[in-house]
């Protein structure tokens, strides 16, 4: 974190109270909404724990979110989220361990897993407009040797300078025209123009009629190749080939988050985008999912 970034962080998140105020606004931008009775109470001031004035039940700003059950300080959470958003080149668990002064690698790893889930939720919107679709093989190294999983990609062909061009990826097991068509439906909005690369053109027969399919131009294919080069370089730079296929989807989602927000006008807006997903989406969390229960670097 540079001196300027550190000053900016401290001005926003100087203490737990500042973090509570920020997270409260991110989770309940229109006033506290009780998760039990659904009543909205705009008059309630930001607080870590809130008691509903109607049903009298108590909740906190982290209850039933991806931060649920964590004993880490809110300042530490905001610092980790800050690093995640400001390091568009990616953040490995080893690097996070160093930045946060953590004694345990697993703590950093699990922390990053949670932030990747938040990044996935933040960028859940599917691609739309004019979309290039293809299937690629990214060579990665997992625990048992070389693996080249099939990855469906969707790239909006809008101008990046408009801040609307987005990319999404999905691992595809046992690719076939049917499974690729299903992947496209999960990645791209209906009533969209699809530019189908040659290798997946046969799947157009299995797509809903609402898609308008055609073959991409040479320029559009080059945009796809550039994207593939970017993600190959990003994966190699951050993880140095030490990637298990079981975690690859999370890494792809992290890349999408950085790629899709790269041309946003400022990083605080990106932080807001991530943290809103971190605290505003109710989830069911089992003890096995998150192990950020201890304090310090444990």
C-alpha atoms as a PDB file:
ATOM      1  CA  UNK A   1       0.000   0.000   0.000  1.00  0.00           C
ATOM      2  CA  UNK A   2       1.512   3.336  -1.064  1.00  0.00           C
ATOM      3  CA  UNK A   3       1.673   6.314   1.313  1.00  0.00           C
ATOM      4  CA  UNK A   4      -1.230   7.967  -0.545  1.00  0.00           C
ATOM      5  CA  UNK A   5      -3.314   4.795  -0.440  1.00  0.00           C
ATOM      6  CA  UNK A   6      -2.531   4.348   3.261  1.00  0.00           C
ATOM      7  CA  UNK A   7      -3.656   7.925   3.934  1.00  0.00           C
ATOM      8  CA  UNK A   8      -6.861   7.330   1.962  1.00  0.00           C
ATOM      9  CA  UNK A   9      -7.526   4.063   3.798  1.00  0.00           C
ATOM     10  CA  UNK A  10      -6.955   5.625   7.224  1.00  0.00           C
ATOM     11  CA  UNK A  11      -9.253   8.531   6.388  1.00  0.00           C
ATOM     12  CA  UNK A  12     -12.066   6.104   5.559  1.00  0.00           C
ATOM     13  CA  UNK A  13     -11.447   3.260   8.028  1.00  0.00           C
ATOM     14  CA  UNK A  14      -9.562   4.808  10.949  1.00  0.00           C
ATOM     15  CA  UNK A  15     -11.333   2.622  13.539  1.00  0.00           C
ATOM     16  CA  UNK A  16     -14.085   0.059  14.081  1.00  0.00           C
ATOM     17  CA  UNK A  17     -16.768   2.758  14.343  1.00  0.00           C
ATOM     18  CA  UNK A  18     -15.867   4.126  10.911  1.00  0.00           C
ATOM     19  CA  UNK A  19     -16.039   0.603   9.479  1.00  0.00           C
ATOM     20  CA  UNK A  20     -19.427  -0.002  11.111  1.00  0.00           C
ATOM     21  CA  UNK A  21     -20.814   3.182   9.529  1.00  0.00           C
ATOM     22  CA  UNK A  22     -19.471   2.228   6.115  1.00  0.00           C
ATOM     23  CA  UNK A  23     -20.692  -1.393   6.225  1.00  0.00           C
ATOM     24  CA  UNK A  24     -24.083  -0.313   7.564  1.00  0.00           C
ATOM     25  CA  UNK A  25     -24.567   1.954   4.514  1.00  0.00           C
ATOM     26  CA  UNK A  26     -23.424  -0.782   2.157  1.00  0.00           C
ATOM     27  CA  UNK A  27     -25.811  -3.385   3.586  1.00  0.00           C
ATOM     28  CA  UNK A  28     -28.797  -1.084   4.231  1.00  0.00           C
ATOM     29  CA  UNK A  29     -28.452   1.930   1.892  1.00  0.00           C
ATOM     30  CA  UNK A  30     -32.134   2.870   2.370  1.00  0.00           C
ATOM     31  CA  UNK A  31     -32.205   2.367   6.124  1.00  0.00           C
ATOM     32  CA  UNK A  32     -32.039  -0.696   8.347  1.00  0.00           C
ATOM     33  CA  UNK A  33     -34.262  -3.513   7.055  1.00  0.00           C
ATOM     34  CA  UNK A  34     -35.000  -6.197   9.602  1.00  0.00           C
ATOM     35  CA  UNK A  35     -34.154  -9.633   8.140  1.00  0.00           C
ATOM     36  CA  UNK A  36     -36.848 -11.198  10.357  1.00  0.00           C
ATOM     37  CA  UNK A  37     -39.974  -9.052   9.878  1.00  0.00           C
ATOM     38  CA  UNK A  38     -38.894  -7.031   6.833  1.00  0.00           C
ATOM     39  CA  UNK A  39     -39.675  -3.629   8.322  1.00  0.00           C
ATOM     40  CA  UNK A  40     -37.528  -0.689   7.184  1.00  0.00           C
ATOM     41  CA  UNK A  41     -36.392   1.720   9.897  1.00  0.00           C
ATOM     42  CA  UNK A  42     -34.604   4.727   8.407  1.00  0.00           C
ATOM     43  CA  UNK A  43     -34.269   6.413  11.776  1.00  0.00           C
ATOM     44  CA  UNK A  44     -31.938   3.774  13.249  1.00  0.00           C
ATOM     45  CA  UNK A  45     -28.351   5.003  13.435  1.00  0.00           C
ATOM     46  CA  UNK A  46     -25.493   2.815  12.206  1.00  0.00           C
ATOM     47  CA  UNK A  47     -24.407   0.244  14.797  1.00  0.00           C
ATOM     48  CA  UNK A  48     -22.762  -3.155  14.711  1.00  0.00           C
ATOM     49  CA  UNK A  49     -25.756  -4.786  16.436  1.00  0.00           C
ATOM     50  CA  UNK A  50     -29.312  -3.553  15.862  1.00  0.00           C
ATOM     51  CA  UNK A  51     -32.547  -4.432  17.665  1.00  0.00           C
ATOM     52  CA  UNK A  52     -35.677  -4.170  15.491  1.00  0.00           C
ATOM     53  CA  UNK A  53     -38.212  -1.783  16.988  1.00  0.00           C
ATOM     54  CA  UNK A  54     -41.088  -3.918  15.751  1.00  0.00           C
ATOM     55  CA  UNK A  55     -40.248  -7.585  16.273  1.00  0.00           C
ATOM     56  CA  UNK A  56     -37.507  -6.875  18.873  1.00  0.00           C
ATOM     57  CA  UNK A  57     -35.140  -9.364  17.277  1.00  0.00           C
ATOM     58  CA  UNK A  58     -31.453  -8.609  17.123  1.00  0.00           C
ATOM     59  CA  UNK A  59     -29.142  -8.741  14.137  1.00  0.00           C
ATOM     60  CA  UNK A  60     -25.707  -7.457  13.172  1.00  0.00           C
ATOM     61  CA  UNK A  61     -24.260  -5.978  10.008  1.00  0.00           C
ATOM     62  CA  UNK A  62     -22.339  -9.214   9.351  1.00  0.00           C
ATOM     63  CA  UNK A  63     -25.051 -11.732  10.289  1.00  0.00           C
ATOM     64  CA  UNK A  64     -25.858 -14.188   7.474  1.00  0.00           C
ATOM     65  CA  UNK A  65     -23.338 -12.627   5.115  1.00  0.00           C
ATOM     66  CA  UNK A  66     -19.998 -13.880   3.849  1.00  0.00           C
ATOM     67  CA  UNK A  67     -18.492 -12.255   6.955  1.00  0.00           C
ATOM     68  CA  UNK A  68     -20.779 -14.223   9.255  1.00  0.00           C
ATOM     69  CA  UNK A  69     -19.095 -15.631  12.355  1.00  0.00           C
ATOM     70  CA  UNK A  70     -15.706 -14.015  11.760  1.00  0.00           C
ATOM     71  CA  UNK A  71     -13.805 -12.779  14.801  1.00  0.00           C
ATOM     72  CA  UNK A  72     -11.483 -10.660  12.689  1.00  0.00           C
ATOM     73  CA  UNK A  73     -11.767  -6.921  13.267  1.00  0.00           C
ATOM     74  CA  UNK A  74     -13.736  -4.866  10.777  1.00  0.00           C
ATOM     75  CA  UNK A  75     -10.654  -2.726  10.171  1.00  0.00           C
ATOM     76  CA  UNK A  76      -8.767  -5.877   9.141  1.00  0.00           C
ATOM     77  CA  UNK A  77     -11.621  -6.907   6.845  1.00  0.00           C
ATOM     78  CA  UNK A  78     -11.618  -3.516   5.146  1.00  0.00           C
ATOM     79  CA  UNK A  79      -7.842  -3.621   4.801  1.00  0.00           C
ATOM     80  CA  UNK A  80      -7.977  -7.008   3.068  1.00  0.00           C
ATOM     81  CA  UNK A  81     -10.824  -5.856   0.785  1.00  0.00           C
ATOM     82  CA  UNK A  82      -8.795  -2.727   0.004  1.00  0.00           C
ATOM     83  CA  UNK A  83      -5.763  -4.787  -1.026  1.00  0.00           C
ATOM     84  CA  UNK A  84      -7.987  -7.047  -3.142  1.00  0.00           C
ATOM     85  CA  UNK A  85      -9.493  -4.111  -5.059  1.00  0.00           C
ATOM     86  CA  UNK A  86      -6.382  -1.993  -5.428  1.00  0.00           C
ATOM     87  CA  UNK A  87      -4.145  -4.820  -6.692  1.00  0.00           C
ATOM     88  CA  UNK A  88      -5.658  -5.414 -10.123  1.00  0.00           C
ATOM     89  CA  UNK A  89      -2.680  -7.633 -10.957  1.00  0.00           C
ATOM     90  CA  UNK A  90      -4.087 -10.140  -8.480  1.00  0.00           C
ATOM     91  CA  UNK A  91      -3.391 -11.179  -4.919  1.00  0.00           C
ATOM     92  CA  UNK A  92      -2.040 -14.547  -3.843  1.00  0.00           C
ATOM     93  CA  UNK A  93      -2.437 -15.994  -0.355  1.00  0.00           C
ATOM     94  CA  UNK A  94       1.332 -15.690   0.217  1.00  0.00           C
ATOM     95  CA  UNK A  95       1.235 -12.007  -0.677  1.00  0.00           C
ATOM     96  CA  UNK A  96      -1.809 -11.396   1.542  1.00  0.00           C
ATOM     97  CA  UNK A  97      -0.079 -13.212   4.395  1.00  0.00           C
ATOM     98  CA  UNK A  98       2.862 -10.826   4.023  1.00  0.00           C
ATOM     99  CA  UNK A  99       0.750  -7.684   3.689  1.00  0.00           C
ATOM    100  CA  UNK A 100      -1.383  -8.495   6.749  1.00  0.00           C
ATOM    101  CA  UNK A 101       1.448  -9.885   8.860  1.00  0.00           C
ATOM    102  CA  UNK A 102      -0.339 -13.197   9.331  1.00  0.00           C
ATOM    103  CA  UNK A 103       1.492 -16.105  10.921  1.00  0.00           C
ATOM    104  CA  UNK A 104      -0.710 -18.718   9.230  1.00  0.00           C
ATOM    105  CA  UNK A 105      -0.893 -19.219   5.461  1.00  0.00           C
ATOM    106  CA  UNK A 106      -4.280 -20.962   5.745  1.00  0.00           C
ATOM    107  CA  UNK A 107      -5.822 -17.855   7.311  1.00  0.00           C
ATOM    108  CA  UNK A 108      -4.809 -15.794   4.287  1.00  0.00           C
ATOM    109  CA  UNK A 109      -5.997 -18.516   1.906  1.00  0.00           C
ATOM    110  CA  UNK A 110      -9.463 -18.766   3.488  1.00  0.00           C
ATOM    111  CA  UNK A 111      -9.756 -14.988   3.628  1.00  0.00           C
ATOM    112  CA  UNK A 112      -9.099 -14.782  -0.095  1.00  0.00           C
ATOM    113  CA  UNK A 113     -11.626 -17.546  -0.761  1.00  0.00           C
ATOM    114  CA  UNK A 114     -14.303 -15.408   0.898  1.00  0.00           C
ATOM    115  CA  UNK A 115     -13.332 -12.325  -1.093  1.00  0.00           C
ATOM    116  CA  UNK A 116     -13.437 -14.353  -4.310  1.00  0.00           C
ATOM    117  CA  UNK A 117     -16.974 -15.424  -3.426  1.00  0.00           C
ATOM    118  CA  UNK A 118     -17.850 -11.742  -2.951  1.00  0.00           C
ATOM    119  CA  UNK A 119     -16.237 -10.887  -6.306  1.00  0.00           C
ATOM    120  CA  UNK A 120     -18.333 -13.634  -7.945  1.00  0.00           C
ATOM    121  CA  UNK A 121     -21.527 -12.209  -6.441  1.00  0.00           C
ATOM    122  CA  UNK A 122     -20.557  -8.656  -7.360  1.00  0.00           C
ATOM    123  CA  UNK A 123     -20.076  -9.672 -11.006  1.00  0.00           C
ATOM    124  CA  UNK A 124     -23.035 -12.051 -11.212  1.00  0.00           C
ATOM    125  CA  UNK A 125     -24.677 -10.094 -14.043  1.00  0.00           C
ATOM    126  CA  UNK A 126     -24.430 -11.987 -17.329  1.00  0.00           C
ATOM    127  CA  UNK A 127     -22.967 -10.553 -20.523  1.00  0.00           C
ATOM    128  CA  UNK A 128     -25.208  -8.709 -22.956  1.00  0.00           C
ATOM    129  CA  UNK A 129     -25.158  -6.729 -26.199  1.00  0.00           C
ATOM    130  CA  UNK A 130     -22.828  -8.131 -28.848  1.00  0.00           C
ATOM    131  CA  UNK A 131     -20.935 -11.045 -27.257  1.00  0.00           C
ATOM    132  CA  UNK A 132     -18.046 -13.156 -28.494  1.00  0.00           C
ATOM    133  CA  UNK A 133     -18.300 -16.737 -27.243  1.00  0.00           C
ATOM    134  CA  UNK A 134     -15.669 -19.459 -27.428  1.00  0.00           C
ATOM    135  CA  UNK A 135     -14.043 -22.388 -25.674  1.00  0.00           C
ATOM    136  CA  UNK A 136     -10.372 -22.371 -24.694  1.00  0.00           C
ATOM    137  CA  UNK A 137      -7.850 -24.538 -22.890  1.00  0.00           C
ATOM    138  CA  UNK A 138      -5.727 -22.883 -20.221  1.00  0.00           C
ATOM    139  CA  UNK A 139      -2.728 -24.992 -19.238  1.00  0.00           C
ATOM    140  CA  UNK A 140      -2.535 -25.151 -15.446  1.00  0.00           C
ATOM    141  CA  UNK A 141      -0.716 -27.352 -12.978  1.00  0.00           C
ATOM    142  CA  UNK A 142      -2.704 -29.119 -10.265  1.00  0.00           C
ATOM    143  CA  UNK A 143      -1.801 -31.516  -7.481  1.00  0.00           C
ATOM    144  CA  UNK A 144      -1.589 -34.550  -9.763  1.00  0.00           C
ATOM    145  CA  UNK A 145       0.082 -33.046 -12.817  1.00  0.00           C
ATOM    146  CA  UNK A 146      -0.738 -31.122 -15.947  1.00  0.00           C
ATOM    147  CA  UNK A 147      -4.361 -30.424 -16.728  1.00  0.00           C
ATOM    148  CA  UNK A 148      -5.995 -28.492 -19.542  1.00  0.00           C
ATOM    149  CA  UNK A 149      -9.602 -27.883 -18.523  1.00  0.00           C
ATOM    150  CA  UNK A 150     -12.095 -26.536 -21.039  1.00  0.00           C
ATOM    151  CA  UNK A 151     -13.270 -23.009 -20.278  1.00  0.00           C
ATOM    152  CA  UNK A 152     -16.190 -21.257 -21.955  1.00  0.00           C
ATOM    153  CA  UNK A 153     -15.611 -17.530 -22.344  1.00  0.00           C
ATOM    154  CA  UNK A 154     -18.018 -14.695 -23.059  1.00  0.00           C
ATOM    155  CA  UNK A 155     -16.664 -11.264 -23.979  1.00  0.00           C
ATOM    156  CA  UNK A 156     -18.809  -8.211 -24.593  1.00  0.00           C
ATOM    157  CA  UNK A 157     -17.601  -6.500 -27.746  1.00  0.00           C
ATOM    158  CA  UNK A 158     -18.560  -3.000 -26.623  1.00  0.00           C
ATOM    159  CA  UNK A 159     -15.876  -0.336 -26.395  1.00  0.00           C
ATOM    160  CA  UNK A 160     -13.858  -0.718 -23.162  1.00  0.00           C
ATOM    161  CA  UNK A 161     -13.770   3.056 -22.757  1.00  0.00           C
ATOM    162  CA  UNK A 162     -17.521   3.039 -22.114  1.00  0.00           C
ATOM    163  CA  UNK A 163     -16.904   0.895 -19.012  1.00  0.00           C
ATOM    164  CA  UNK A 164     -19.482  -1.610 -20.231  1.00  0.00           C
ATOM    165  CA  UNK A 165     -17.357  -4.294 -21.898  1.00  0.00           C
ATOM    166  CA  UNK A 166     -17.298  -7.274 -19.563  1.00  0.00           C
ATOM    167  CA  UNK A 167     -15.958 -10.826 -19.613  1.00  0.00           C
ATOM    168  CA  UNK A 168     -17.125 -13.979 -17.871  1.00  0.00           C
ATOM    169  CA  UNK A 169     -15.779 -17.538 -17.759  1.00  0.00           C
ATOM    170  CA  UNK A 170     -17.178 -20.944 -16.874  1.00  0.00           C
ATOM    171  CA  UNK A 171     -15.447 -24.305 -16.489  1.00  0.00           C
ATOM    172  CA  UNK A 172     -17.084 -26.906 -18.713  1.00  0.00           C
ATOM    173  CA  UNK A 173     -16.853 -30.608 -17.920  1.00  0.00           C
ATOM    174  CA  UNK A 174     -16.961 -32.995 -20.873  1.00  0.00           C
ATOM    175  CA  UNK A 175     -17.676 -30.335 -23.540  1.00  0.00           C
ATOM    176  CA  UNK A 176     -20.326 -31.200 -26.088  1.00  0.00           C
ATOM    177  CA  UNK A 177     -22.674 -29.030 -28.160  1.00  0.00           C
ATOM    178  CA  UNK A 178     -25.353 -29.495 -25.492  1.00  0.00           C
ATOM    179  CA  UNK A 179     -23.155 -28.622 -22.494  1.00  0.00           C
ATOM    180  CA  UNK A 180     -21.642 -25.654 -24.328  1.00  0.00           C
ATOM    181  CA  UNK A 181     -25.118 -24.361 -25.139  1.00  0.00           C
ATOM    182  CA  UNK A 182     -25.990 -24.654 -21.452  1.00  0.00           C
ATOM    183  CA  UNK A 183     -22.816 -22.741 -20.530  1.00  0.00           C
ATOM    184  CA  UNK A 184     -23.724 -19.954 -22.958  1.00  0.00           C
ATOM    185  CA  UNK A 185     -27.171 -19.654 -21.405  1.00  0.00           C
ATOM    186  CA  UNK A 186     -25.500 -19.227 -18.008  1.00  0.00           C
ATOM    187  CA  UNK A 187     -23.020 -16.640 -19.264  1.00  0.00           C
ATOM    188  CA  UNK A 188     -25.051 -14.536 -21.686  1.00  0.00           C
ATOM    189  CA  UNK A 189     -28.421 -12.790 -21.508  1.00  0.00           C
ATOM    190  CA  UNK A 190     -31.178 -14.009 -23.792  1.00  0.00           C
ATOM    191  CA  UNK A 191     -32.025 -11.851 -26.854  1.00  0.00           C
ATOM    192  CA  UNK A 192     -28.312 -11.227 -27.345  1.00  0.00           C
ATOM    193  CA  UNK A 193     -26.248 -11.304 -30.528  1.00  0.00           C
ATOM    194  CA  UNK A 194     -23.666 -14.085 -30.252  1.00  0.00           C
ATOM    195  CA  UNK A 195     -20.464 -14.200 -32.233  1.00  0.00           C
ATOM    196  CA  UNK A 196     -19.654 -17.927 -32.036  1.00  0.00           C
ATOM    197  CA  UNK A 197     -16.050 -18.955 -32.609  1.00  0.00           C
ATOM    198  CA  UNK A 198     -15.581 -21.804 -35.080  1.00  0.00           C
ATOM    199  CA  UNK A 199     -14.877 -24.460 -32.448  1.00  0.00           C
ATOM    200  CA  UNK A 200     -18.291 -24.053 -30.815  1.00  0.00           C
ATOM    201  CA  UNK A 201     -20.436 -23.215 -33.844  1.00  0.00           C
ATOM    202  CA  UNK A 202     -22.182 -26.655 -33.699  1.00  0.00           C
ATOM    203  CA  UNK A 203     -23.750 -25.707 -30.352  1.00  0.00           C
ATOM    204  CA  UNK A 204     -25.904 -23.004 -31.978  1.00  0.00           C
ATOM    205  CA  UNK A 205     -28.439 -25.694 -32.911  1.00  0.00           C
ATOM    206  CA  UNK A 206     -29.026 -26.314 -29.190  1.00  0.00           C
ATOM    207  CA  UNK A 207     -29.426 -22.657 -28.204  1.00  0.00           C
ATOM    208  CA  UNK A 208     -32.832 -21.018 -27.634  1.00  0.00           C
ATOM    209  CA  UNK A 209     -34.195 -19.131 -30.642  1.00  0.00           C
ATOM    210  CA  UNK A 210     -33.905 -15.874 -28.702  1.00  0.00           C
ATOM    211  CA  UNK A 211     -30.164 -15.790 -29.445  1.00  0.00           C
ATOM    212  CA  UNK A 212     -29.038 -14.343 -32.780  1.00  0.00           C
ATOM    213  CA  UNK A 213     -25.952 -16.327 -33.830  1.00  0.00           C
ATOM    214  CA  UNK A 214     -23.311 -15.372 -36.360  1.00  0.00           C
ATOM    215  CA  UNK A 215     -19.602 -15.885 -36.933  1.00  0.00           C
ATOM    216  CA  UNK A 216     -17.110 -13.301 -35.622  1.00  0.00           C
ATOM    217  CA  UNK A 217     -14.984 -10.998 -37.733  1.00  0.00           C
ATOM    218  CA  UNK A 218     -11.194 -11.163 -37.729  1.00  0.00           C
ATOM    219  CA  UNK A 219     -11.079  -8.104 -35.467  1.00  0.00           C
ATOM    220  CA  UNK A 220     -13.503  -9.691 -32.994  1.00  0.00           C
ATOM    221  CA  UNK A 221     -11.459 -12.891 -32.927  1.00  0.00           C
ATOM    222  CA  UNK A 222      -8.374 -10.817 -32.120  1.00  0.00           C
ATOM    223  CA  UNK A 223     -10.196  -9.268 -29.158  1.00  0.00           C
ATOM    224  CA  UNK A 224     -10.832 -12.781 -27.904  1.00  0.00           C
ATOM    225  CA  UNK A 225      -7.196 -13.792 -28.354  1.00  0.00           C
ATOM    226  CA  UNK A 226      -6.076 -10.688 -26.470  1.00  0.00           C
ATOM    227  CA  UNK A 227      -8.384 -11.593 -23.581  1.00  0.00           C
ATOM    228  CA  UNK A 228      -7.007 -15.142 -23.490  1.00  0.00           C
ATOM    229  CA  UNK A 229      -3.440 -13.802 -23.435  1.00  0.00           C
ATOM    230  CA  UNK A 230      -4.350 -11.474 -20.560  1.00  0.00           C
ATOM    231  CA  UNK A 231      -5.826 -14.200 -18.381  1.00  0.00           C
ATOM    232  CA  UNK A 232      -2.972 -16.622 -19.141  1.00  0.00           C
ATOM    233  CA  UNK A 233      -0.474 -13.936 -18.119  1.00  0.00           C
ATOM    234  CA  UNK A 234      -2.502 -13.047 -15.007  1.00  0.00           C
ATOM    235  CA  UNK A 235      -2.759 -16.658 -13.812  1.00  0.00           C
ATOM    236  CA  UNK A 236       0.937 -17.251 -14.423  1.00  0.00           C
ATOM    237  CA  UNK A 237       1.937 -14.044 -12.646  1.00  0.00           C
ATOM    238  CA  UNK A 238      -0.218 -14.490  -9.549  1.00  0.00           C
ATOM    239  CA  UNK A 239      -0.138 -18.241  -9.047  1.00  0.00           C
ATOM    240  CA  UNK A 240       3.002 -19.227 -11.000  1.00  0.00           C
ATOM    241  CA  UNK A 241       1.304 -22.343 -12.381  1.00  0.00           C
ATOM    242  CA  UNK A 242       0.435 -23.725  -8.927  1.00  0.00           C
ATOM    243  CA  UNK A 243      -3.293 -23.969  -9.621  1.00  0.00           C
ATOM    244  CA  UNK A 244      -5.591 -26.794  -8.676  1.00  0.00           C
ATOM    245  CA  UNK A 245      -8.490 -27.227 -11.058  1.00  0.00           C
ATOM    246  CA  UNK A 246     -10.887 -27.427  -8.103  1.00  0.00           C
ATOM    247  CA  UNK A 247     -10.139 -23.755  -7.349  1.00  0.00           C
ATOM    248  CA  UNK A 248      -9.794 -22.509 -10.918  1.00  0.00           C
ATOM    249  CA  UNK A 249     -13.365 -21.187 -11.224  1.00  0.00           C
ATOM    250  CA  UNK A 250     -12.746 -18.893  -8.249  1.00  0.00           C
ATOM    251  CA  UNK A 251      -9.573 -17.571  -9.893  1.00  0.00           C
ATOM    252  CA  UNK A 252     -11.439 -16.995 -13.153  1.00  0.00           C
ATOM    253  CA  UNK A 253     -14.131 -15.073 -11.284  1.00  0.00           C
ATOM    254  CA  UNK A 254     -11.452 -12.981  -9.571  1.00  0.00           C
ATOM    255  CA  UNK A 255      -9.932 -12.138 -12.955  1.00  0.00           C
ATOM    256  CA  UNK A 256     -13.379 -11.199 -14.288  1.00  0.00           C
ATOM    257  CA  UNK A 257     -13.893  -8.861 -11.327  1.00  0.00           C
ATOM    258  CA  UNK A 258     -10.620  -7.044 -12.007  1.00  0.00           C
ATOM    259  CA  UNK A 259     -11.116  -7.036 -15.789  1.00  0.00           C
ATOM    260  CA  UNK A 260     -14.679  -5.739 -15.596  1.00  0.00           C
ATOM    261  CA  UNK A 261     -13.821  -2.917 -13.177  1.00  0.00           C
ATOM    262  CA  UNK A 262     -10.436  -1.966 -14.655  1.00  0.00           C
ATOM    263  CA  UNK A 263     -11.813   1.122 -16.400  1.00  0.00           C
ATOM    264  CA  UNK A 264     -13.995   2.343 -13.551  1.00  0.00           C
ATOM    265  CA  UNK A 265     -13.178   5.972 -12.727  1.00  0.00           C
ATOM    266  CA  UNK A 266     -11.920   5.326  -9.190  1.00  0.00           C
ATOM    267  CA  UNK A 267     -10.944   2.463  -6.898  1.00  0.00           C
ATOM    268  CA  UNK A 268     -13.257   3.458  -3.998  1.00  0.00           C
ATOM    269  CA  UNK A 269     -16.199   2.692  -6.309  1.00  0.00           C
ATOM    270  CA  UNK A 270     -14.723  -0.759  -6.931  1.00  0.00           C
ATOM    271  CA  UNK A 271     -14.349  -1.262  -3.172  1.00  0.00           C
ATOM    272  CA  UNK A 272     -18.005  -0.294  -2.700  1.00  0.00           C
ATOM    273  CA  UNK A 273     -18.935  -2.807  -5.401  1.00  0.00           C
ATOM    274  CA  UNK A 274     -17.080  -5.641  -3.670  1.00  0.00           C
ATOM    275  CA  UNK A 275     -18.135  -4.840  -0.112  1.00  0.00           C
ATOM    276  CA  UNK A 276     -21.804  -4.475  -1.082  1.00  0.00           C
ATOM    277  CA  UNK A 277     -21.684  -8.095  -2.243  1.00  0.00           C
ATOM    278  CA  UNK A 278     -19.717  -9.067   0.858  1.00  0.00           C
ATOM    279  CA  UNK A 279     -22.388  -7.837   3.296  1.00  0.00           C
ATOM    280  CA  UNK A 280     -25.691  -7.534   1.470  1.00  0.00           C
ATOM    281  CA  UNK A 281     -26.299 -11.023   0.113  1.00  0.00           C
ATOM    282  CA  UNK A 282     -27.793 -13.497   2.599  1.00  0.00           C
ATOM    283  CA  UNK A 283     -26.043 -16.857   2.457  1.00  0.00           C
ATOM    284  CA  UNK A 284     -26.116 -20.134   4.331  1.00  0.00           C
ATOM    285  CA  UNK A 285     -22.703 -20.649   5.862  1.00  0.00           C
ATOM    286  CA  UNK A 286     -21.516 -23.876   7.428  1.00  0.00           C
ATOM    287  CA  UNK A 287     -18.570 -24.052   9.848  1.00  0.00           C
ATOM    288  CA  UNK A 288     -16.603 -25.982   7.223  1.00  0.00           C
ATOM    289  CA  UNK A 289     -16.914 -23.109   4.730  1.00  0.00           C
ATOM    290  CA  UNK A 290     -15.090 -20.451   6.729  1.00  0.00           C
ATOM    291  CA  UNK A 291     -12.354 -20.759   9.289  1.00  0.00           C
ATOM    292  CA  UNK A 292     -11.752 -17.089  10.119  1.00  0.00           C
ATOM    293  CA  UNK A 293     -12.877 -17.754  13.671  1.00  0.00           C
ATOM    294  CA  UNK A 294      -9.651 -17.022  15.505  1.00  0.00           C
ATOM    295  CA  UNK A 295      -7.984 -13.724  16.273  1.00  0.00           C
ATOM    296  CA  UNK A 296      -4.655 -12.375  15.121  1.00  0.00           C
ATOM    297  CA  UNK A 297      -2.876 -14.517  12.553  1.00  0.00           C
ATOM    298  CA  UNK A 298      -4.218 -17.881  13.588  1.00  0.00           C
END
